[in-house]
Amino acid sequence: MRNFPFRRARLGTVAVFALAGLLFWISFTVSRGNNIRTDDSLLQMSDLIRERERQNDALESSAARLRSEVAALTERDSGTDPEQALRLDLAETAAGLSELTGPGLTVTLTDAPRDAEPLLPGVPEPTPNDLVIHQQDLQAVVNALWSGGAEGVRIMDQRLISTSAVRCVGNTLILQGQLYSPPYTITAVGPTDRLRAALDDSPALRNYQSYVAAYGLGWDVEEHDSVTLPGYEGSVALHHARPVEPGN
């Protein structure tokens, strides 16, 4: 009877190896020979966004080089026709493709501190969404500036054009393939008195101001006697959906 513990231990060892083999087979079956630790389905959205940003940076560098070549050829071919050159300059200015200088202002929006507490009596405790800048806040500023007579608008370091889209994932801004974190700066060239009045008259921004007072969201407006906006340097190609042909 002394050898019973030994047999029990030996049987236990066999059972452990059998179980390990079963788990290995299940893992192989699930992964189908792939590395399940690096499967694309396990990547977080932020990782995908950063990877796309790296791709966009490479494409943008190539596009900038090609635009420089096109600009040089355009200048060479239109140099003998002053009227044509003037029309081209006016078109580029209207489209936001050329540098713009003039009086203007800059609006800065900032998240509130994460541990912010109500600053006014009777205000409820904030939720996380109450303390961060949202897509609609940025859009409200841009819309107000355009309505106030802005000749050009820049968010962070990028000039806006007619096809620019302001999108946010969480509190991260995605603009024309680039990622930005707060504080966000929006600069406009135009009549400063009208721009300020448009900001004050915006219902969406009046709502934002209530959160500034209640929880400490950041809001600052700085006027400039002269400010320069760079021309837009991204692609101006338009992309659109096409209907599926019957039978496809």
Protein backbone atom coordinates (compact mmCIF):
# COMPACT_ATOMS: atom_id res chain seq x y z
CA MET A 1 0.00 0.00 0.00
CA ARG A 2 2.99 2.32 0.29
CA ASN A 3 3.18 2.69 -3.47
CA PHE A 4 -0.39 4.08 -3.75
CA PRO A 5 0.65 7.71 -3.28
CA PHE A 6 3.26 7.22 -5.99
CA ARG A 7 0.70 5.83 -8.40
CA ARG A 8 -1.68 8.67 -7.60
CA ALA A 9 1.05 11.21 -8.27
CA ARG A 10 1.99 9.47 -11.52
CA LEU A 11 -1.62 9.37 -12.65
CA GLY A 12 -1.94 13.05 -11.76
CA THR A 13 1.10 13.86 -13.89
CA VAL A 14 -0.38 11.99 -16.85
CA ALA A 15 -3.65 13.88 -16.42
CA VAL A 16 -1.84 17.23 -16.40
CA PHE A 17 -0.01 16.44 -19.65
CA ALA A 18 -3.24 15.24 -21.24
CA LEU A 19 -5.00 18.46 -20.24
CA ALA A 20 -2.10 20.55 -21.56
CA GLY A 21 -2.28 18.72 -24.88
CA LEU A 22 -6.01 19.34 -25.09
CA LEU A 23 -5.55 23.06 -24.43
CA PHE A 24 -2.79 23.25 -27.05
CA TRP A 25 -5.06 21.60 -29.63
CA ILE A 26 -7.94 23.97 -28.81
CA SER A 27 -5.64 27.00 -29.10
CA PHE A 28 -4.33 25.79 -32.46
CA THR A 29 -7.86 25.17 -33.73
CA VAL A 30 -9.06 28.64 -32.70
CA SER A 31 -6.07 30.50 -34.13
CA ARG A 32 -5.82 28.34 -37.28
CA GLY A 33 -2.07 28.73 -37.18
CA ASN A 34 -2.20 32.55 -36.81
CA ASN A 35 -0.57 34.55 -34.06
CA ILE A 36 -3.67 35.37 -32.04
CA ARG A 37 -1.79 37.93 -29.95
CA THR A 38 -1.36 40.18 -32.97
CA ASP A 39 -4.65 39.52 -34.74
CA ASP A 40 -6.06 42.72 -36.25
CA SER A 41 -9.33 42.20 -34.40
CA LEU A 42 -7.49 42.71 -31.10
CA LEU A 43 -5.96 46.06 -32.06
CA GLN A 44 -7.46 49.04 -30.32
CA MET A 45 -9.01 51.87 -32.28
CA SER A 46 -6.20 54.21 -31.22
CA ASP A 47 -3.61 51.84 -32.70
CA LEU A 48 -5.48 51.75 -36.00
CA ILE A 49 -5.74 55.53 -36.05
CA ARG A 50 -2.01 55.97 -35.40
CA GLU A 51 -1.15 53.49 -38.13
CA ARG A 52 -3.38 55.35 -40.57
CA GLU A 53 -1.75 58.61 -39.48
CA ARG A 54 1.69 57.23 -40.34
CA GLN A 55 0.42 56.20 -43.76
CA ASN A 56 -1.13 59.63 -44.29
CA ASP A 57 2.14 61.33 -43.35
CA ALA A 58 4.00 59.36 -46.01
CA LEU A 59 1.35 60.09 -48.63
CA GLU A 60 1.25 63.77 -47.67
CA SER A 61 5.02 64.09 -48.13
CA SER A 62 4.72 62.62 -51.60
CA ALA A 63 1.73 64.83 -52.42
CA ALA A 64 3.57 67.96 -51.24
CA ARG A 65 6.46 67.19 -53.57
CA LEU A 66 4.10 66.69 -56.50
CA ARG A 67 2.23 69.91 -55.69
CA SER A 68 5.49 71.83 -55.73
CA GLU A 69 6.27 70.45 -59.17
CA VAL A 70 2.79 71.33 -60.42
CA ALA A 71 3.05 74.85 -58.99
CA ALA A 72 6.39 75.38 -60.70
CA LEU A 73 5.01 74.19 -64.04
CA THR A 74 1.87 76.31 -63.63
CA GLU A 75 3.92 79.41 -62.86
CA ARG A 76 6.14 78.78 -65.85
CA ASP A 77 3.23 78.27 -68.26
CA SER A 78 1.15 81.21 -66.98
CA GLY A 79 4.03 83.63 -66.55
CA THR A 80 3.54 85.10 -70.01
CA ASP A 81 -0.18 85.84 -69.42
CA PRO A 82 -0.69 88.26 -66.48
CA GLU A 83 -4.48 88.05 -66.71
CA GLN A 84 -4.43 84.28 -66.50
CA ALA A 85 -1.99 84.41 -63.58
CA LEU A 86 -4.28 86.84 -61.74
CA ARG A 87 -7.30 84.58 -62.24
CA LEU A 88 -5.30 81.65 -60.92
CA ASP A 89 -4.20 83.60 -57.83
CA LEU A 90 -7.78 84.66 -57.09
CA ALA A 91 -9.04 81.10 -57.48
CA GLU A 92 -6.36 79.73 -55.15
CA THR A 93 -7.14 82.39 -52.55
CA ALA A 94 -10.86 81.66 -52.66
CA ALA A 95 -10.19 77.92 -52.35
CA GLY A 96 -7.86 78.38 -49.37
CA LEU A 97 -4.81 77.13 -51.24
CA SER A 98 -2.70 80.27 -50.82
CA GLU A 99 -1.37 82.08 -47.77
CA LEU A 100 -3.72 84.62 -46.18
CA THR A 101 -2.73 87.53 -43.93
CA GLY A 102 -4.91 90.05 -42.14
CA PRO A 103 -6.54 90.96 -38.83
CA GLY A 104 -8.22 88.13 -36.98
CA LEU A 105 -8.58 86.21 -33.77
CA THR A 106 -7.78 82.86 -32.18
CA VAL A 107 -10.20 80.81 -30.08
CA THR A 108 -8.72 78.25 -27.67
CA LEU A 109 -10.78 75.41 -26.17
CA THR A 110 -9.43 73.22 -23.39
CA ASP A 111 -10.67 70.25 -21.38
CA ALA A 112 -11.56 70.85 -17.75
CA PRO A 113 -9.44 69.15 -15.06
CA ARG A 114 -10.37 65.50 -14.60
CA ASP A 115 -11.14 66.07 -10.93
CA ALA A 116 -13.21 69.19 -11.59
CA GLU A 117 -16.08 69.91 -9.25
CA PRO A 118 -19.09 72.18 -9.76
CA LEU A 119 -18.11 75.84 -9.65
CA LEU A 120 -21.66 77.11 -9.19
CA PRO A 121 -24.20 76.29 -6.48
CA GLY A 122 -26.94 73.89 -7.50
CA VAL A 123 -24.96 72.42 -10.42
CA PRO A 124 -24.87 68.58 -10.46
CA GLU A 125 -21.65 66.63 -10.23
CA PRO A 126 -20.02 66.43 -13.69
CA THR A 127 -19.86 63.30 -15.80
CA PRO A 128 -16.70 62.58 -17.85
CA ASN A 129 -18.46 63.92 -20.95
CA ASP A 130 -19.04 67.25 -19.22
CA LEU A 131 -15.30 67.83 -18.84
CA VAL A 132 -13.98 67.33 -22.39
CA ILE A 133 -14.17 69.18 -25.69
CA HIS A 134 -16.53 67.54 -28.16
CA GLN A 135 -16.74 67.57 -31.93
CA GLN A 136 -19.81 69.80 -31.87
CA ASP A 137 -17.94 72.41 -29.81
CA LEU A 138 -15.24 72.73 -32.47
CA GLN A 139 -17.82 72.76 -35.24
CA ALA A 140 -19.77 75.49 -33.46
CA VAL A 141 -16.70 77.74 -33.32
CA VAL A 142 -15.87 77.15 -36.98
CA ASN A 143 -19.45 77.77 -38.10
CA ALA A 144 -19.67 80.98 -36.07
CA LEU A 145 -16.43 82.30 -37.54
CA TRP A 146 -17.57 81.63 -41.10
CA SER A 147 -20.89 83.32 -40.42
CA GLY A 148 -19.01 86.28 -38.93
CA GLY A 149 -17.21 86.96 -42.19
CA ALA A 150 -14.02 84.93 -41.85
CA GLU A 151 -11.94 84.95 -45.02
CA GLY A 152 -10.02 81.88 -43.90
CA VAL A 153 -9.95 79.51 -40.91
CA ARG A 154 -7.22 77.32 -39.48
CA ILE A 155 -7.59 74.59 -36.85
CA MET A 156 -4.31 73.86 -35.08
CA ASP A 157 -1.79 74.01 -37.96
CA GLN A 158 -4.13 73.18 -40.84
CA ARG A 159 -6.08 75.48 -43.12
CA LEU A 160 -9.71 74.51 -43.70
CA ILE A 161 -11.21 74.24 -47.18
CA SER A 162 -14.69 73.37 -48.43
CA THR A 163 -14.12 69.61 -48.07
CA SER A 164 -12.52 69.71 -44.60
CA ALA A 165 -14.32 67.65 -41.96
CA VAL A 166 -13.93 68.05 -38.19
CA ARG A 167 -14.19 64.65 -36.50
CA CYS A 168 -13.40 63.49 -32.98
CA VAL A 169 -12.78 60.05 -31.48
CA GLY A 170 -13.17 60.56 -27.75
CA ASN A 171 -11.40 63.84 -27.11
CA THR A 172 -8.92 63.33 -29.98
CA LEU A 173 -9.42 65.46 -33.07
CA ILE A 174 -8.93 63.86 -36.49
CA LEU A 175 -8.45 66.53 -39.14
CA GLN A 176 -7.37 65.74 -42.68
CA GLY A 177 -5.53 62.60 -41.60
CA GLN A 178 -3.76 64.14 -38.60
CA LEU A 179 -4.39 63.59 -34.87
CA TYR A 180 -4.58 66.40 -32.32
CA SER A 181 -5.19 66.60 -28.59
CA PRO A 182 -6.47 69.57 -26.58
CA PRO A 183 -5.99 72.43 -26.13
CA TYR A 184 -7.46 73.18 -29.55
CA THR A 185 -6.77 76.48 -31.31
CA ILE A 186 -8.95 77.86 -34.10
CA THR A 187 -7.68 80.96 -35.91
CA ALA A 188 -9.63 83.08 -38.38
CA VAL A 189 -8.71 86.03 -40.58
CA GLY A 190 -11.49 88.59 -40.87
CA PRO A 191 -13.13 91.61 -39.20
CA THR A 192 -12.55 90.99 -35.51
CA ASP A 193 -15.66 92.85 -34.33
CA ARG A 194 -17.94 90.75 -36.53
CA LEU A 195 -16.11 87.55 -35.63
CA ARG A 196 -16.53 88.24 -31.89
CA ALA A 197 -20.19 89.11 -32.36
CA ALA A 198 -20.79 85.84 -34.22
CA LEU A 199 -19.16 83.87 -31.40
CA ASP A 200 -21.34 85.65 -28.83
CA ASP A 201 -24.52 85.11 -30.85
CA SER A 202 -24.05 81.36 -31.42
CA PRO A 203 -26.62 79.32 -29.41
CA ALA A 204 -24.28 76.31 -29.41
CA LEU A 205 -21.45 78.38 -27.97
CA ARG A 206 -23.72 79.96 -25.36
CA ASN A 207 -24.45 76.41 -24.22
CA TYR A 208 -20.70 75.70 -24.17
CA GLN A 209 -20.17 78.82 -22.07
CA SER A 210 -22.55 77.43 -19.45
CA TYR A 211 -20.19 74.46 -19.04
CA VAL A 212 -17.24 76.85 -18.85
CA ALA A 213 -18.91 78.56 -15.90
CA ALA A 214 -20.14 75.34 -14.29
CA TYR A 215 -17.12 73.04 -14.60
CA GLY A 216 -14.15 75.05 -15.84
CA LEU A 217 -13.92 74.07 -19.50
CA GLY A 218 -11.34 76.27 -21.20
CA TRP A 219 -12.36 79.22 -23.38
CA ASP A 220 -10.15 82.06 -24.55
CA VAL A 221 -10.39 84.54 -27.43
CA GLU A 222 -7.31 86.50 -28.51
CA GLU A 223 -7.42 89.23 -31.15
CA HIS A 224 -4.61 89.81 -33.66
CA ASP A 225 -3.76 92.98 -35.55
CA SER A 226 -2.23 90.72 -38.16
CA VAL A 227 -2.10 86.95 -38.45
CA THR A 228 -1.04 84.68 -41.30
CA LEU A 229 -2.79 81.45 -42.26
CA PRO A 230 -0.85 78.99 -44.42
CA GLY A 231 -2.39 77.70 -47.61
CA TYR A 232 -3.97 74.27 -47.55
CA GLU A 233 -1.43 71.65 -48.62
CA GLY A 234 -3.49 68.48 -48.77
CA SER A 235 -5.20 66.76 -51.66
CA VAL A 236 -8.11 68.57 -53.32
CA ALA A 237 -9.32 65.51 -55.22
CA LEU A 238 -13.01 64.77 -54.66
CA HIS A 239 -14.13 61.24 -53.83
CA HIS A 240 -17.71 60.09 -54.12
CA ALA A 241 -19.75 56.93 -53.94
CA ARG A 242 -21.03 55.24 -57.06
CA PRO A 243 -24.23 53.20 -57.36
CA VAL A 244 -23.81 49.47 -57.72
CA GLU A 245 -24.64 48.25 -61.19
CA PRO A 246 -27.55 45.76 -61.36
CA GLY A 247 -26.33 42.21 -61.15
CA ASN A 248 -23.08 43.09 -59.33
